[in-house]
């Protein structure tokens, strides 16, 4: 198994994409938020899923903080 790491600067900071030569897909996460992890068949698909996951998580955190006020 050979892994290849690609880094891009995105909307939420540095995005890391790791491709697996055997699976032909990508795992993606943010450098600053390594707990947000997604997968996709292409970098674009993994990146889109990463942004949606981040949006969902941050939206939920904002909603929870509003209900505590």
PDB file of N, CA and C in Angstrom:
ATOM      1  N   UNK A   1       0.841  -1.168   0.000  1.00  0.00           N
ATOM      2  CA  UNK A   1       0.000   0.000   0.000  1.00  0.00           C
ATOM      3  C   UNK A   1       0.892   1.239   0.000  1.00  0.00           C
ATOM      4  N   UNK A   2       0.610   2.160  -0.910  1.00  0.00           N
ATOM      5  CA  UNK A   2       1.358   3.394  -0.988  1.00  0.00           C
ATOM      6  C   UNK A   2       0.409   4.567  -0.785  1.00  0.00           C
ATOM      7  N   UNK A   3       0.724   5.417   0.189  1.00  0.00           N
ATOM      8  CA  UNK A   3      -0.099   6.582   0.489  1.00  0.00           C
ATOM      9  C   UNK A   3       0.561   7.835  -0.063  1.00  0.00           C
ATOM     10  N   UNK A   4      -0.272   8.748  -0.563  1.00  0.00           N
ATOM     11  CA  UNK A   4       0.223  10.015  -1.075  1.00  0.00           C
ATOM     12  C   UNK A   4      -0.547  11.132  -0.370  1.00  0.00           C
ATOM     13  N   UNK A   5       0.183  12.099   0.153  1.00  0.00           N
ATOM     14  CA  UNK A   5      -0.419  13.206   0.893  1.00  0.00           C
ATOM     15  C   UNK A   5      -0.406  14.471   0.038  1.00  0.00           C
ATOM     16  N   UNK A   6      -1.569  15.119  -0.067  1.00  0.00           N
ATOM     17  CA  UNK A   6      -1.714  16.378  -0.789  1.00  0.00           C
ATOM     18  C   UNK A   6      -2.262  17.412   0.187  1.00  0.00           C
ATOM     19  N   UNK A   7      -1.688  18.610   0.179  1.00  0.00           N
ATOM     20  CA  UNK A   7      -2.121  19.675   1.075  1.00  0.00           C
ATOM     21  C   UNK A   7      -2.597  20.867   0.255  1.00  0.00           C
ATOM     22  N   UNK A   8      -3.730  21.435   0.680  1.00  0.00           N
ATOM     23  CA  UNK A   8      -4.263  22.639   0.028  1.00  0.00           C
ATOM     24  C   UNK A   8      -4.686  23.638   1.094  1.00  0.00           C
ATOM     25  N   UNK A   9      -4.601  24.919   0.759  1.00  0.00           N
ATOM     26  CA  UNK A   9      -5.138  25.956   1.635  1.00  0.00           C
ATOM     27  C   UNK A   9      -6.578  26.198   1.220  1.00  0.00           C
ATOM     28  N   UNK A  10      -7.501  25.967   2.138  1.00  0.00           N
ATOM     29  CA  UNK A  10      -8.923  26.082   1.836  1.00  0.00           C
ATOM     30  C   UNK A  10      -9.610  27.119   2.690  1.00  0.00           C
ATOM     31  N   UNK A  11     -10.929  27.073   2.697  1.00  0.00           N
ATOM     32  CA  UNK A  11     -11.752  28.038   3.417  1.00  0.00           C
ATOM     33  C   UNK A  11     -11.531  27.998   4.921  1.00  0.00           C
ATOM     34  N   UNK A  12     -11.292  26.831   5.459  1.00  0.00           N
ATOM     35  CA  UNK A  12     -11.140  26.672   6.903  1.00  0.00           C
ATOM     36  C   UNK A  12      -9.694  26.375   7.287  1.00  0.00           C
ATOM     37  N   UNK A  13      -8.755  26.768   6.458  1.00  0.00           N
ATOM     38  CA  UNK A  13      -7.357  26.510   6.745  1.00  0.00           C
ATOM     39  C   UNK A  13      -6.799  25.402   5.877  1.00  0.00           C
ATOM     40  N   UNK A  14      -5.739  24.802   6.349  1.00  0.00           N
ATOM     41  CA  UNK A  14      -5.042  23.770   5.582  1.00  0.00           C
ATOM     42  C   UNK A  14      -5.858  22.485   5.528  1.00  0.00           C
ATOM     43  N   UNK A  15      -6.076  21.985   4.315  1.00  0.00           N
ATOM     44  CA  UNK A  15      -6.802  20.733   4.102  1.00  0.00           C
ATOM     45  C   UNK A  15      -5.810  19.655   3.680  1.00  0.00           C
ATOM     46  N   UNK A  16      -5.906  18.503   4.294  1.00  0.00           N
ATOM     47  CA  UNK A  16      -5.005  17.393   4.015  1.00  0.00           C
ATOM     48  C   UNK A  16      -5.797  16.293   3.308  1.00  0.00           C
ATOM     49  N   UNK A  17      -5.281  15.804   2.190  1.00  0.00           N
ATOM     50  CA  UNK A  17      -5.896  14.715   1.439  1.00  0.00           C
ATOM     51  C   UNK A  17      -4.880  13.585   1.326  1.00  0.00           C
ATOM     52  N   UNK A  18      -5.298  12.407   1.704  1.00  0.00           N
ATOM     53  CA  UNK A  18      -4.414  11.248   1.625  1.00  0.00           C
ATOM     54  C   UNK A  18      -5.039  10.249   0.669  1.00  0.00           C
ATOM     55  N   UNK A  19      -4.294   9.902  -0.378  1.00  0.00           N
ATOM     56  CA  UNK A  19      -4.795   8.925  -1.341  1.00  0.00           C
ATOM     57  C   UNK A  19      -4.134   7.579  -1.089  1.00  0.00           C
ATOM     58  N   UNK A  20      -4.907   6.544  -1.325  1.00  0.00           N
ATOM     59  CA  UNK A  20      -4.446   5.165  -1.146  1.00  0.00           C
ATOM     60  C   UNK A  20      -4.415   4.513  -2.518  1.00  0.00           C
ATOM     61  N   UNK A  21      -3.264   4.036  -2.939  1.00  0.00           N
ATOM     62  CA  UNK A  21      -3.125   3.461  -4.275  1.00  0.00           C
ATOM     63  C   UNK A  21      -3.990   2.215  -4.462  1.00  0.00           C
ATOM     64  N   UNK A  22      -4.323   1.528  -3.378  1.00  0.00           N
ATOM     65  CA  UNK A  22      -5.138   0.316  -3.492  1.00  0.00           C
ATOM     66  C   UNK A  22      -6.636   0.614  -3.534  1.00  0.00           C
ATOM     67  N   UNK A  23      -7.075   1.616  -2.798  1.00  0.00           N
ATOM     68  CA  UNK A  23      -8.501   1.919  -2.703  1.00  0.00           C
ATOM     69  C   UNK A  23      -8.979   2.937  -3.733  1.00  0.00           C
ATOM     70  N   UNK A  24      -8.065   3.648  -4.359  1.00  0.00           N
ATOM     71  CA  UNK A  24      -8.416   4.669  -5.356  1.00  0.00           C
ATOM     72  C   UNK A  24      -9.383   5.708  -4.807  1.00  0.00           C
ATOM     73  N   UNK A  25      -9.189   6.116  -3.587  1.00  0.00           N
ATOM     74  CA  UNK A  25     -10.017   7.137  -2.969  1.00  0.00           C
ATOM     75  C   UNK A  25      -9.171   8.062  -2.128  1.00  0.00           C
ATOM     76  N   UNK A  26      -9.824   9.020  -1.512  1.00  0.00           N
ATOM     77  CA  UNK A  26      -9.129  10.021  -0.711  1.00  0.00           C
ATOM     78  C   UNK A  26      -9.767  10.142   0.667  1.00  0.00           C
ATOM     79  N   UNK A  27      -8.949  10.267   1.672  1.00  0.00           N
ATOM     80  CA  UNK A  27      -9.376  10.620   3.013  1.00  0.00           C
ATOM     81  C   UNK A  27      -8.962  12.067   3.222  1.00  0.00           C
ATOM     82  N   UNK A  28      -9.869  12.867   3.789  1.00  0.00           N
ATOM     83  CA  UNK A  28      -9.594  14.294   3.937  1.00  0.00           C
ATOM     84  C   UNK A  28      -9.852  14.743   5.372  1.00  0.00           C
ATOM     85  N   UNK A  29      -9.038  15.693   5.825  1.00  0.00           N
ATOM     86  CA  UNK A  29      -9.252  16.307   7.130  1.00  0.00           C
ATOM     87  C   UNK A  29      -8.600  17.683   7.136  1.00  0.00           C
ATOM     88  N   UNK A  30      -8.979  18.491   8.111  1.00  0.00           N
ATOM     89  CA  UNK A  30      -8.373  19.804   8.298  1.00  0.00           C
ATOM     90  C   UNK A  30      -7.191  19.677   9.250  1.00  0.00           C
ATOM     91  N   UNK A  31      -6.124  20.369   8.962  1.00  0.00           N
ATOM     92  CA  UNK A  31      -4.949  20.364   9.828  1.00  0.00           C
ATOM     93  C   UNK A  31      -5.315  20.863  11.229  1.00  0.00           C
ATOM     94  N   UNK A  32      -6.119  21.939  11.296  1.00  0.00           N
ATOM     95  CA  UNK A  32      -6.490  22.530  12.578  1.00  0.00           C
ATOM     96  C   UNK A  32      -7.643  21.817  13.274  1.00  0.00           C
ATOM     97  N   UNK A  33      -8.380  20.984  12.538  1.00  0.00           N
ATOM     98  CA  UNK A  33      -9.521  20.251  13.094  1.00  0.00           C
ATOM     99  C   UNK A  33      -9.418  18.782  12.685  1.00  0.00           C
ATOM    100  N   UNK A  34      -8.440  18.053  13.206  1.00  0.00           N
ATOM    101  CA  UNK A  34      -8.208  16.683  12.746  1.00  0.00           C
ATOM    102  C   UNK A  34      -9.330  15.709  13.099  1.00  0.00           C
ATOM    103  N   UNK A  35     -10.288  16.139  13.917  1.00  0.00           N
ATOM    104  CA  UNK A  35     -11.405  15.268  14.276  1.00  0.00           C
ATOM    105  C   UNK A  35     -12.497  15.272  13.208  1.00  0.00           C
ATOM    106  N   UNK A  36     -12.409  16.171  12.228  1.00  0.00           N
ATOM    107  CA  UNK A  36     -13.359  16.201  11.116  1.00  0.00           C
ATOM    108  C   UNK A  36     -12.703  15.450   9.960  1.00  0.00           C
ATOM    109  N   UNK A  37     -13.199  14.259   9.664  1.00  0.00           N
ATOM    110  CA  UNK A  37     -12.589  13.386   8.657  1.00  0.00           C
ATOM    111  C   UNK A  37     -13.667  12.893   7.699  1.00  0.00           C
ATOM    112  N   UNK A  38     -13.379  12.942   6.396  1.00  0.00           N
ATOM    113  CA  UNK A  38     -14.311  12.435   5.394  1.00  0.00           C
ATOM    114  C   UNK A  38     -13.543  11.642   4.341  1.00  0.00           C
ATOM    115  N   UNK A  39     -14.300  11.017   3.449  1.00  0.00           N
ATOM    116  CA  UNK A  39     -13.711  10.269   2.337  1.00  0.00           C
ATOM    117  C   UNK A  39     -14.457  10.577   1.046  1.00  0.00           C
ATOM    118  N   UNK A  40     -13.771  10.406  -0.077  1.00  0.00           N
ATOM    119  CA  UNK A  40     -14.386  10.565  -1.381  1.00  0.00           C
ATOM    120  C   UNK A  40     -13.572   9.860  -2.452  1.00  0.00           C
ATOM    121  N   UNK A  41     -14.194   9.635  -3.589  1.00  0.00           N
ATOM    122  CA  UNK A  41     -13.493   8.987  -4.688  1.00  0.00           C
ATOM    123  C   UNK A  41     -12.505   9.929  -5.374  1.00  0.00           C
ATOM    124  N   UNK A  42     -12.769  11.245  -5.297  1.00  0.00           N
ATOM    125  CA  UNK A  42     -11.874  12.256  -5.872  1.00  0.00           C
ATOM    126  C   UNK A  42     -11.544  13.277  -4.781  1.00  0.00           C
ATOM    127  N   UNK A  43     -10.530  14.089  -5.030  1.00  0.00           N
ATOM    128  CA  UNK A  43     -10.212  15.152  -4.075  1.00  0.00           C
ATOM    129  C   UNK A  43     -11.390  16.104  -3.957  1.00  0.00           C
ATOM    130  N   UNK A  44     -12.020  16.445  -5.054  1.00  0.00           N
ATOM    131  CA  UNK A  44     -13.165  17.366  -5.044  1.00  0.00           C
ATOM    132  C   UNK A  44     -14.302  16.807  -4.194  1.00  0.00           C
ATOM    133  N   UNK A  45     -14.616  15.528  -4.361  1.00  0.00           N
ATOM    134  CA  UNK A  45     -15.685  14.915  -3.572  1.00  0.00           C
ATOM    135  C   UNK A  45     -15.320  14.892  -2.088  1.00  0.00           C
ATOM    136  N   UNK A  46     -14.090  14.535  -1.772  1.00  0.00           N
ATOM    137  CA  UNK A  46     -13.642  14.522  -0.374  1.00  0.00           C
ATOM    138  C   UNK A  46     -13.668  15.936   0.212  1.00  0.00           C
ATOM    139  N   UNK A  47     -13.267  16.928  -0.583  1.00  0.00           N
ATOM    140  CA  UNK A  47     -13.263  18.316  -0.132  1.00  0.00           C
ATOM    141  C   UNK A  47     -14.690  18.813   0.106  1.00  0.00           C
ATOM    142  N   UNK A  48     -15.606  18.522  -0.799  1.00  0.00           N
ATOM    143  CA  UNK A  48     -17.000  18.929  -0.615  1.00  0.00           C
ATOM    144  C   UNK A  48     -17.577  18.321   0.663  1.00  0.00           C
ATOM    145  N   UNK A  49     -17.329  17.044   0.869  1.00  0.00           N
ATOM    146  CA  UNK A  49     -17.819  16.375   2.077  1.00  0.00           C
ATOM    147  C   UNK A  49     -17.183  16.969   3.333  1.00  0.00           C
ATOM    148  N   UNK A  50     -15.923  17.355   3.234  1.00  0.00           N
ATOM    149  CA  UNK A  50     -15.222  17.962   4.362  1.00  0.00           C
ATOM    150  C   UNK A  50     -15.868  19.288   4.746  1.00  0.00           C
ATOM    151  N   UNK A  51     -16.171  20.112   3.757  1.00  0.00           N
ATOM    152  CA  UNK A  51     -16.819  21.401   4.019  1.00  0.00           C
ATOM    153  C   UNK A  51     -18.211  21.206   4.609  1.00  0.00           C
ATOM    154  N   UNK A  52     -18.970  20.258   4.069  1.00  0.00           N
ATOM    155  CA  UNK A  52     -20.309  19.992   4.601  1.00  0.00           C
ATOM    156  C   UNK A  52     -20.226  19.496   6.040  1.00  0.00           C
ATOM    157  N   UNK A  53     -19.280  18.627   6.320  1.00  0.00           N
ATOM    158  CA  UNK A  53     -19.111  18.117   7.683  1.00  0.00           C
ATOM    159  C   UNK A  53     -18.745  19.253   8.638  1.00  0.00           C
ATOM    160  N   UNK A  54     -17.833  20.110   8.222  1.00  0.00           N
ATOM    161  CA  UNK A  54     -17.428  21.243   9.062  1.00  0.00           C
ATOM    162  C   UNK A  54     -18.615  22.176   9.297  1.00  0.00           C
ATOM    163  N   UNK A  55     -19.370  22.443   8.250  1.00  0.00           N
ATOM    164  CA  UNK A  55     -20.550  23.304   8.377  1.00  0.00           C
ATOM    165  C   UNK A  55     -21.540  22.710   9.375  1.00  0.00           C
ATOM    166  N   UNK A  56     -21.815  21.423   9.251  1.00  0.00           N
ATOM    167  CA  UNK A  56     -22.752  20.764  10.158  1.00  0.00           C
ATOM    168  C   UNK A  56     -22.276  20.831  11.607  1.00  0.00           C
ATOM    169  N   UNK A  57     -21.010  20.561  11.827  1.00  0.00           N
ATOM    170  CA  UNK A  57     -20.466  20.580  13.185  1.00  0.00           C
ATOM    171  C   UNK A  57     -20.492  21.982  13.776  1.00  0.00           C
ATOM    172  N   UNK A  58     -20.027  22.965  13.013  1.00  0.00           N
ATOM    173  CA  UNK A  58     -19.988  24.328  13.535  1.00  0.00           C
ATOM    174  C   UNK A  58     -21.396  24.902  13.713  1.00  0.00           C
ATOM    175  N   UNK A  59     -22.318  24.571  12.815  1.00  0.00           N
ATOM    176  CA  UNK A  59     -23.703  25.019  12.967  1.00  0.00           C
ATOM    177  C   UNK A  59     -24.320  24.449  14.231  1.00  0.00           C
ATOM    178  N   UNK A  60     -24.063  23.184  14.494  1.00  0.00           N
ATOM    179  CA  UNK A  60     -24.584  22.547  15.694  1.00  0.00           C
ATOM    180  C   UNK A  60     -24.002  23.196  16.953  1.00  0.00           C
ATOM    181  N   UNK A  61     -22.718  23.471  16.945  1.00  0.00           N
ATOM    182  CA  UNK A  61     -22.094  24.122  18.101  1.00  0.00           C
ATOM    183  C   UNK A  61     -22.672  25.515  18.339  1.00  0.00           C
ATOM    184  N   UNK A  62     -22.929  26.248  17.268  1.00  0.00           N
ATOM    185  CA  UNK A  62     -23.515  27.592  17.392  1.00  0.00           C
ATOM    186  C   UNK A  62     -24.925  27.496  17.953  1.00  0.00           C
ATOM    187  N   UNK A  63     -25.718  26.542  17.447  1.00  0.00           N
ATOM    188  CA  UNK A  63     -27.080  26.360  17.944  1.00  0.00           C
ATOM    189  C   UNK A  63     -27.068  26.003  19.427  1.00  0.00           C
ATOM    190  N   UNK A  64     -26.175  25.131  19.835  1.00  0.00           N
ATOM    191  CA  UNK A  64     -26.097  24.735  21.239  1.00  0.00           C
ATOM    192  C   UNK A  64     -25.685  25.909  22.118  1.00  0.00           C
ATOM    193  N   UNK A  65     -24.791  26.752  21.626  1.00  0.00           N
ATOM    194  CA  UNK A  65     -24.359  27.905  22.420  1.00  0.00           C
ATOM    195  C   UNK A  65     -25.485  28.929  22.554  1.00  0.00           C
ATOM    196  N   UNK A  66     -26.353  29.041  21.545  1.00  0.00           N
ATOM    197  CA  UNK A  66     -27.483  29.975  21.606  1.00  0.00           C
ATOM    198  C   UNK A  66     -28.537  29.517  22.598  1.00  0.00           C
ATOM    199  N   UNK A  67     -28.724  28.230  22.739  1.00  0.00           N
ATOM    200  CA  UNK A  67     -29.753  27.728  23.648  1.00  0.00           C
ATOM    201  C   UNK A  67     -29.320  27.850  25.115  1.00  0.00           C
ATOM    202  N   UNK A  68     -28.030  28.021  25.352  1.00  0.00           N
ATOM    203  CA  UNK A  68     -27.544  28.164  26.722  1.00  0.00           C
ATOM    204  C   UNK A  68     -27.676  29.591  27.228  1.00  0.00           C
ATOM    205  N   UNK A  69     -27.920  30.527  26.341  1.00  0.00           N
ATOM    206  CA  UNK A  69     -28.009  31.952  26.736  1.00  0.00           C
ATOM    207  C   UNK A  69     -29.355  32.248  27.351  1.00  0.00           C
TER     208      UNK A  69
END
